[in-house]
Amino acid sequence: MVKSKLLRMDNVLIVVDDLEAVKAFFLELGFELEGETTVGGSTVDRLIGLQNVRATLVLMRTPDGHGRIELDKFHTPGAIRTGPEKVPVNELGIRRIMLAVDRIDEVVARLLAHGAELVGEVVQYESMYRLAYLRGPEGIIVGLSEQLK
């Protein structure tokens, strides 16, 4: 018998309230808009275990086409927040998305100018990487990694 295998990771879902602000943040990072649609109906309800779902989905991809995020804005039922918006990096659960960039200082400056906040500092890890964590809209944390030559 042939064992099933993992083929790829298609996307990571981020549920948001201010869809336009989060979409603008990821566009500024360099993501490309792949598509946007509204979903609902019994199939969606059965899939995600909620009732009367209506949501707007935005799919964005990295320039190389291999990484994707899905931003979902729930209209019904409304999204809920179970804790503070700005949780620390060591809180349990998915905390950040790591992105490879070139010229990290320029990316950080551009994102700071658009309202992002540094979580800590831009640091150099040995002679291999420069790294930074930034908090964007709705507390979303992205890590930036610049490989050094």
N, C-alpha and C. Protein backbone atom coordinates (compact mmCIF):
# COMPACT_ATOMS: atom_id res chain seq x y z
N MET A 1 0.85 -1.19 0.00
CA MET A 1 0.00 0.00 0.00
C MET A 1 0.89 1.25 0.00
N VAL A 2 0.57 2.20 -0.85
CA VAL A 2 1.33 3.44 -0.95
C VAL A 2 0.84 4.40 0.13
N LYS A 3 1.78 4.93 0.88
CA LYS A 3 1.45 5.87 1.94
C LYS A 3 1.20 7.26 1.33
N SER A 4 0.16 7.92 1.79
CA SER A 4 -0.10 9.29 1.32
C SER A 4 1.02 10.20 1.80
N LYS A 5 1.22 11.31 1.08
CA LYS A 5 2.30 12.21 1.45
C LYS A 5 1.84 13.66 1.34
N LEU A 6 2.48 14.50 2.08
CA LEU A 6 2.24 15.94 2.01
C LEU A 6 2.80 16.45 0.71
N LEU A 7 2.00 17.24 -0.04
CA LEU A 7 2.45 17.77 -1.32
C LEU A 7 3.01 19.18 -1.20
N ARG A 8 2.34 20.05 -0.42
CA ARG A 8 2.77 21.43 -0.27
C ARG A 8 1.89 22.10 0.78
N MET A 9 2.28 23.29 1.19
CA MET A 9 1.42 24.11 2.03
C MET A 9 0.78 25.14 1.10
N ASP A 10 -0.54 25.16 1.02
CA ASP A 10 -1.23 26.08 0.11
C ASP A 10 -1.30 27.49 0.64
N ASN A 11 -1.73 27.68 1.89
CA ASN A 11 -1.81 29.03 2.44
C ASN A 11 -1.99 29.00 3.94
N VAL A 12 -1.83 30.17 4.54
CA VAL A 12 -2.08 30.38 5.96
C VAL A 12 -3.24 31.35 6.06
N LEU A 13 -4.23 31.04 6.89
CA LEU A 13 -5.41 31.88 7.06
C LEU A 13 -5.20 32.87 8.19
N ILE A 14 -5.54 34.12 7.94
CA ILE A 14 -5.54 35.16 8.98
C ILE A 14 -6.92 35.79 8.97
N VAL A 15 -7.66 35.66 10.07
CA VAL A 15 -8.98 36.28 10.19
C VAL A 15 -8.77 37.71 10.66
N VAL A 16 -9.38 38.66 9.96
CA VAL A 16 -9.16 40.08 10.24
C VAL A 16 -10.49 40.83 10.34
N ASP A 17 -10.44 41.98 10.95
CA ASP A 17 -11.60 42.85 11.01
C ASP A 17 -11.49 43.94 9.95
N ASP A 18 -10.33 44.61 9.89
CA ASP A 18 -10.12 45.68 8.93
C ASP A 18 -9.39 45.11 7.71
N LEU A 19 -10.15 44.51 6.83
CA LEU A 19 -9.59 43.81 5.67
C LEU A 19 -8.74 44.73 4.80
N GLU A 20 -9.20 45.94 4.57
CA GLU A 20 -8.46 46.86 3.69
C GLU A 20 -7.10 47.25 4.29
N ALA A 21 -7.05 47.50 5.59
CA ALA A 21 -5.78 47.87 6.23
C ALA A 21 -4.79 46.71 6.19
N VAL A 22 -5.26 45.50 6.46
CA VAL A 22 -4.36 44.35 6.45
C VAL A 22 -3.91 44.04 5.02
N LYS A 23 -4.82 44.13 4.08
CA LYS A 23 -4.45 43.91 2.67
C LYS A 23 -3.40 44.93 2.24
N ALA A 24 -3.58 46.20 2.60
CA ALA A 24 -2.61 47.24 2.26
C ALA A 24 -1.24 46.95 2.89
N PHE A 25 -1.22 46.45 4.12
CA PHE A 25 0.01 46.10 4.81
C PHE A 25 0.78 45.03 4.03
N PHE A 26 0.09 43.97 3.63
CA PHE A 26 0.76 42.89 2.91
C PHE A 26 1.14 43.31 1.48
N LEU A 27 0.37 44.18 0.86
CA LEU A 27 0.78 44.73 -0.43
C LEU A 27 2.06 45.55 -0.29
N GLU A 28 2.14 46.34 0.78
CA GLU A 28 3.35 47.14 1.04
C GLU A 28 4.56 46.25 1.28
N LEU A 29 4.33 45.09 1.90
CA LEU A 29 5.41 44.13 2.11
C LEU A 29 5.92 43.54 0.81
N GLY A 30 5.08 43.55 -0.22
CA GLY A 30 5.48 42.99 -1.50
C GLY A 30 4.63 41.81 -1.95
N PHE A 31 3.62 41.44 -1.15
CA PHE A 31 2.70 40.39 -1.60
C PHE A 31 1.91 40.91 -2.80
N GLU A 32 1.43 39.98 -3.62
CA GLU A 32 0.62 40.32 -4.78
C GLU A 32 -0.79 39.80 -4.56
N LEU A 33 -1.77 40.58 -5.00
CA LEU A 33 -3.16 40.17 -4.88
C LEU A 33 -3.44 39.09 -5.90
N GLU A 34 -3.91 37.94 -5.43
CA GLU A 34 -4.24 36.84 -6.33
C GLU A 34 -5.73 36.80 -6.63
N GLY A 35 -6.56 37.16 -5.64
CA GLY A 35 -7.99 37.15 -5.88
C GLY A 35 -8.76 37.56 -4.64
N GLU A 36 -10.02 37.92 -4.85
CA GLU A 36 -10.89 38.35 -3.76
C GLU A 36 -12.30 37.90 -4.10
N THR A 37 -13.00 37.34 -3.12
CA THR A 37 -14.36 36.86 -3.34
C THR A 37 -15.12 36.85 -2.02
N THR A 38 -16.44 36.73 -2.13
CA THR A 38 -17.29 36.55 -0.96
C THR A 38 -17.86 35.15 -1.02
N VAL A 39 -17.84 34.46 0.13
CA VAL A 39 -18.35 33.09 0.19
C VAL A 39 -19.43 32.98 1.25
N GLY A 40 -20.22 31.95 1.14
CA GLY A 40 -21.27 31.65 2.11
C GLY A 40 -22.04 30.44 1.64
N GLY A 41 -23.06 30.08 2.40
CA GLY A 41 -23.91 28.96 2.02
C GLY A 41 -23.62 27.71 2.83
N SER A 42 -24.42 26.69 2.56
CA SER A 42 -24.38 25.48 3.38
C SER A 42 -23.06 24.73 3.29
N THR A 43 -22.42 24.75 2.13
CA THR A 43 -21.13 24.05 2.01
C THR A 43 -20.08 24.70 2.91
N VAL A 44 -20.03 26.02 2.89
CA VAL A 44 -19.08 26.73 3.75
C VAL A 44 -19.44 26.49 5.22
N ASP A 45 -20.72 26.56 5.56
CA ASP A 45 -21.16 26.31 6.93
C ASP A 45 -20.70 24.94 7.41
N ARG A 46 -20.90 23.92 6.59
CA ARG A 46 -20.52 22.55 6.98
C ARG A 46 -19.01 22.40 7.09
N LEU A 47 -18.28 23.07 6.19
CA LEU A 47 -16.82 22.96 6.20
C LEU A 47 -16.22 23.51 7.48
N ILE A 48 -16.66 24.70 7.90
CA ILE A 48 -16.00 25.36 9.03
C ILE A 48 -16.77 25.26 10.34
N GLY A 49 -17.92 24.59 10.33
CA GLY A 49 -18.65 24.34 11.57
C GLY A 49 -19.34 25.55 12.16
N LEU A 50 -19.72 26.50 11.33
CA LEU A 50 -20.49 27.67 11.77
C LEU A 50 -21.76 27.74 10.93
N GLN A 51 -22.71 28.59 11.35
CA GLN A 51 -23.96 28.71 10.61
C GLN A 51 -24.11 30.11 10.03
N ASN A 52 -24.77 30.17 8.88
CA ASN A 52 -25.08 31.43 8.20
C ASN A 52 -23.82 32.25 7.90
N VAL A 53 -22.79 31.58 7.42
CA VAL A 53 -21.51 32.23 7.15
C VAL A 53 -21.60 33.07 5.87
N ARG A 54 -21.09 34.28 5.99
CA ARG A 54 -20.82 35.13 4.83
C ARG A 54 -19.51 35.82 5.14
N ALA A 55 -18.52 35.63 4.28
CA ALA A 55 -17.18 36.17 4.52
C ALA A 55 -16.55 36.61 3.21
N THR A 56 -15.71 37.64 3.31
CA THR A 56 -14.91 38.07 2.18
C THR A 56 -13.52 37.48 2.35
N LEU A 57 -13.01 36.85 1.30
CA LEU A 57 -11.69 36.22 1.31
C LEU A 57 -10.79 36.95 0.32
N VAL A 58 -9.58 37.23 0.76
CA VAL A 58 -8.56 37.81 -0.11
C VAL A 58 -7.38 36.86 -0.10
N LEU A 59 -6.97 36.40 -1.28
CA LEU A 59 -5.82 35.53 -1.38
C LEU A 59 -4.66 36.34 -1.95
N MET A 60 -3.52 36.28 -1.24
CA MET A 60 -2.33 37.02 -1.65
C MET A 60 -1.16 36.04 -1.74
N ARG A 61 -0.24 36.33 -2.66
CA ARG A 61 0.91 35.43 -2.84
C ARG A 61 2.21 36.22 -2.82
N THR A 62 3.27 35.51 -2.48
CA THR A 62 4.60 36.09 -2.55
C THR A 62 5.01 36.21 -4.02
N PRO A 63 5.94 37.10 -4.34
CA PRO A 63 6.32 37.30 -5.74
C PRO A 63 6.80 36.03 -6.43
N ASP A 64 7.38 35.09 -5.69
CA ASP A 64 7.85 33.85 -6.33
C ASP A 64 6.71 32.86 -6.58
N GLY A 65 5.51 33.16 -6.06
CA GLY A 65 4.35 32.30 -6.28
C GLY A 65 4.25 31.09 -5.39
N HIS A 66 5.18 30.90 -4.47
CA HIS A 66 5.18 29.71 -3.63
C HIS A 66 4.48 29.90 -2.28
N GLY A 67 4.45 31.11 -1.76
CA GLY A 67 3.84 31.35 -0.46
C GLY A 67 2.53 32.12 -0.62
N ARG A 68 1.51 31.72 0.15
CA ARG A 68 0.23 32.40 0.08
C ARG A 68 -0.34 32.62 1.47
N ILE A 69 -1.07 33.72 1.59
CA ILE A 69 -1.87 33.95 2.79
C ILE A 69 -3.31 34.21 2.33
N GLU A 70 -4.23 33.83 3.18
CA GLU A 70 -5.65 34.09 2.94
C GLU A 70 -6.13 34.98 4.07
N LEU A 71 -6.66 36.14 3.71
CA LEU A 71 -7.22 37.07 4.69
C LEU A 71 -8.73 36.92 4.63
N ASP A 72 -9.37 36.64 5.77
CA ASP A 72 -10.83 36.46 5.82
C ASP A 72 -11.45 37.49 6.73
N LYS A 73 -12.47 38.17 6.22
CA LYS A 73 -13.29 39.12 6.98
C LYS A 73 -14.68 38.48 7.11
N PHE A 74 -15.06 38.07 8.32
CA PHE A 74 -16.37 37.46 8.55
C PHE A 74 -17.41 38.56 8.74
N HIS A 75 -18.44 38.52 7.90
CA HIS A 75 -19.56 39.45 8.04
C HIS A 75 -20.61 38.83 8.96
N THR A 76 -20.91 37.53 8.73
CA THR A 76 -21.78 36.77 9.62
C THR A 76 -21.23 35.36 9.74
N PRO A 77 -21.20 34.77 10.89
CA PRO A 77 -21.20 35.50 12.16
C PRO A 77 -19.94 36.34 12.26
N GLY A 78 -20.01 37.41 13.02
CA GLY A 78 -18.86 38.30 13.18
C GLY A 78 -17.69 37.58 13.84
N ALA A 79 -16.49 38.03 13.51
CA ALA A 79 -15.29 37.47 14.14
C ALA A 79 -15.26 37.83 15.61
N ILE A 80 -14.61 37.01 16.40
CA ILE A 80 -14.49 37.26 17.84
C ILE A 80 -13.01 37.33 18.22
N ARG A 81 -12.73 38.10 19.24
CA ARG A 81 -11.37 38.18 19.79
C ARG A 81 -11.43 37.59 21.19
N THR A 82 -10.56 36.64 21.48
CA THR A 82 -10.58 35.98 22.78
C THR A 82 -9.50 36.49 23.72
N GLY A 83 -8.65 37.38 23.25
CA GLY A 83 -7.59 37.92 24.08
C GLY A 83 -7.17 39.27 23.56
N PRO A 84 -6.09 39.81 24.12
CA PRO A 84 -5.63 41.13 23.67
C PRO A 84 -5.11 41.08 22.24
N GLU A 85 -5.15 42.23 21.57
CA GLU A 85 -4.70 42.31 20.18
C GLU A 85 -3.18 42.17 20.08
N LYS A 86 -2.46 42.77 20.98
CA LYS A 86 -1.00 42.76 20.91
C LYS A 86 -0.43 41.77 21.91
N VAL A 87 -0.49 40.49 21.55
CA VAL A 87 0.03 39.46 22.43
C VAL A 87 1.54 39.37 22.28
N PRO A 88 2.24 38.92 23.33
CA PRO A 88 3.69 38.76 23.22
C PRO A 88 4.04 37.60 22.28
N VAL A 89 5.26 37.63 21.77
CA VAL A 89 5.72 36.64 20.81
C VAL A 89 5.73 35.23 21.40
N ASN A 90 5.82 35.09 22.72
CA ASN A 90 5.89 33.76 23.32
C ASN A 90 4.52 33.21 23.72
N GLU A 91 3.42 33.86 23.34
CA GLU A 91 2.09 33.31 23.62
C GLU A 91 1.86 32.11 22.73
N LEU A 92 1.18 31.10 23.29
CA LEU A 92 0.92 29.88 22.53
C LEU A 92 0.12 30.17 21.27
N GLY A 93 0.39 29.41 20.23
CA GLY A 93 -0.32 29.55 18.97
C GLY A 93 0.59 30.09 17.89
N ILE A 94 0.02 30.32 16.72
CA ILE A 94 0.80 30.86 15.61
C ILE A 94 1.07 32.33 15.90
N ARG A 95 2.33 32.73 15.93
CA ARG A 95 2.69 34.09 16.33
C ARG A 95 3.19 34.96 15.20
N ARG A 96 3.79 34.39 14.16
CA ARG A 96 4.34 35.24 13.12
C ARG A 96 4.49 34.47 11.82
N ILE A 97 4.64 35.22 10.74
CA ILE A 97 4.98 34.69 9.43
C ILE A 97 6.37 35.23 9.12
N MET A 98 7.31 34.35 8.78
CA MET A 98 8.67 34.78 8.46
C MET A 98 8.81 34.94 6.95
N LEU A 99 9.35 36.09 6.55
CA LEU A 99 9.50 36.42 5.14
C LEU A 99 10.96 36.74 4.83
N ALA A 100 11.47 36.20 3.75
CA ALA A 100 12.82 36.52 3.30
C ALA A 100 12.76 37.79 2.47
N VAL A 101 13.64 38.74 2.78
CA VAL A 101 13.68 40.02 2.07
C VAL A 101 15.12 40.36 1.72
N ASP A 102 15.27 41.33 0.81
CA ASP A 102 16.59 41.92 0.62
C ASP A 102 16.48 43.36 1.14
N ARG A 103 17.59 43.92 1.53
CA ARG A 103 17.63 45.29 2.08
C ARG A 103 16.62 45.49 3.21
N ILE A 104 16.81 44.75 4.27
CA ILE A 104 15.87 44.73 5.39
C ILE A 104 15.62 46.12 5.97
N ASP A 105 16.66 46.96 6.01
CA ASP A 105 16.48 48.30 6.59
C ASP A 105 15.46 49.11 5.79
N GLU A 106 15.50 48.98 4.47
CA GLU A 106 14.53 49.69 3.63
C GLU A 106 13.11 49.17 3.85
N VAL A 107 12.96 47.85 3.97
CA VAL A 107 11.63 47.27 4.20
C VAL A 107 11.09 47.71 5.56
N VAL A 108 11.93 47.67 6.58
CA VAL A 108 11.51 48.10 7.92
C VAL A 108 11.09 49.57 7.88
N ALA A 109 11.89 50.42 7.28
CA ALA A 109 11.57 51.85 7.23
C ALA A 109 10.25 52.08 6.50
N ARG A 110 10.04 51.38 5.41
CA ARG A 110 8.79 51.53 4.63
C ARG A 110 7.58 51.10 5.46
N LEU A 111 7.71 49.99 6.18
CA LEU A 111 6.58 49.51 6.99
C LEU A 111 6.33 50.40 8.20
N LEU A 112 7.40 50.91 8.81
CA LEU A 112 7.23 51.83 9.94
C LEU A 112 6.50 53.09 9.48
N ALA A 113 6.82 53.56 8.29
CA ALA A 113 6.16 54.75 7.74
C ALA A 113 4.68 54.50 7.47
N HIS A 114 4.29 53.23 7.36
CA HIS A 114 2.89 52.88 7.13
C HIS A 114 2.22 52.37 8.40
N GLY A 115 2.80 52.67 9.56
CA GLY A 115 2.13 52.37 10.83
C GLY A 115 2.54 51.10 11.54
N ALA A 116 3.43 50.31 10.97
CA ALA A 116 3.90 49.11 11.66
C ALA A 116 4.79 49.52 12.85
N GLU A 117 4.97 48.60 13.78
CA GLU A 117 5.82 48.84 14.96
C GLU A 117 6.85 47.72 15.06
N LEU A 118 8.09 48.08 15.39
CA LEU A 118 9.09 47.05 15.69
C LEU A 118 8.71 46.38 17.00
N VAL A 119 8.77 45.05 17.04
CA VAL A 119 8.49 44.32 18.27
C VAL A 119 9.69 44.44 19.20
N GLY A 120 10.87 44.29 18.66
CA GLY A 120 12.12 44.42 19.41
C GLY A 120 13.05 45.33 18.63
N GLU A 121 14.18 44.78 18.20
CA GLU A 121 15.15 45.54 17.41
C GLU A 121 15.51 44.75 16.16
N VAL A 122 16.07 45.42 15.18
CA VAL A 122 16.68 44.73 14.05
C VAL A 122 18.01 44.20 14.58
N VAL A 123 18.22 42.88 14.44
CA VAL A 123 19.43 42.27 14.99
C VAL A 123 20.15 41.46 13.91
N GLN A 124 21.43 41.23 14.17
CA GLN A 124 22.20 40.34 13.30
C GLN A 124 22.42 39.04 14.05
N TYR A 125 22.10 37.92 13.40
CA TYR A 125 22.32 36.60 13.96
C TYR A 125 23.59 36.03 13.35
N GLU A 126 24.63 35.97 14.19
CA GLU A 126 25.96 35.54 13.76
C GLU A 126 26.32 36.28 12.48
N SER A 127 26.92 35.60 11.52
CA SER A 127 27.27 36.27 10.26
C SER A 127 26.33 35.83 9.14
N MET A 128 25.16 35.25 9.54
CA MET A 128 24.28 34.65 8.54
C MET A 128 23.07 35.51 8.16
N TYR A 129 22.44 36.15 9.14
CA TYR A 129 21.16 36.83 8.89
C TYR A 129 21.05 38.14 9.65
N ARG A 130 20.26 39.06 9.10
CA ARG A 130 19.73 40.20 9.85
C ARG A 130 18.24 39.92 9.96
N LEU A 131 17.69 40.14 11.14
CA LEU A 131 16.32 39.76 11.44
C LEU A 131 15.56 40.88 12.13
N ALA A 132 14.25 40.94 11.90
CA ALA A 132 13.39 41.90 12.59
C ALA A 132 11.98 41.32 12.69
N TYR A 133 11.30 41.65 13.78
CA TYR A 133 9.88 41.34 13.94
C TYR A 133 9.13 42.65 13.93
N LEU A 134 8.09 42.74 13.10
CA LEU A 134 7.25 43.93 13.04
C LEU A 134 5.80 43.54 13.30
N ARG A 135 5.10 44.43 13.99
CA ARG A 135 3.68 44.23 14.25
C ARG A 135 2.90 45.16 13.35
N GLY A 136 2.02 44.58 12.55
CA GLY A 136 1.20 45.34 11.62
C GLY A 136 -0.21 45.51 12.14
N PRO A 137 -1.15 45.81 11.24
CA PRO A 137 -2.54 46.00 11.66
C PRO A 137 -3.07 44.78 12.40
N GLU A 138 -3.92 45.04 13.37
CA GLU A 138 -4.60 44.00 14.15
C GLU A 138 -3.64 43.09 14.90
N GLY A 139 -2.42 43.58 15.15
CA GLY A 139 -1.47 42.81 15.94
C GLY A 139 -0.72 41.73 15.19
N ILE A 140 -0.89 41.65 13.87
CA ILE A 140 -0.24 40.62 13.07
C ILE A 140 1.27 40.86 13.09
N ILE A 141 2.02 39.80 13.41
CA ILE A 141 3.48 39.91 13.46
C ILE A 141 4.07 39.22 12.23
N VAL A 142 4.96 39.94 11.56
CA VAL A 142 5.75 39.35 10.48
C VAL A 142 7.21 39.45 10.87
N GLY A 143 7.93 38.37 10.58
CA GLY A 143 9.37 38.37 10.76
C GLY A 143 10.02 38.62 9.41
N LEU A 144 11.08 39.39 9.42
CA LEU A 144 11.83 39.66 8.20
C LEU A 144 13.22 39.09 8.37
N SER A 145 13.71 38.44 7.34
CA SER A 145 15.03 37.81 7.37
C SER A 145 15.79 38.18 6.11
N GLU A 146 16.95 38.81 6.31
CA GLU A 146 17.84 39.13 5.19
C GLU A 146 19.08 38.25 5.33
N GLN A 147 19.32 37.37 4.36
CA GLN A 147 20.50 36.52 4.38
C GLN A 147 21.71 37.37 4.00
N LEU A 148 22.76 37.26 4.80
CA LEU A 148 23.98 38.00 4.54
C LEU A 148 24.88 37.18 3.63
N LYS A 149 25.64 37.86 2.85
CA LYS A 149 26.50 37.18 1.86
C LYS A 149 27.66 36.50 2.52
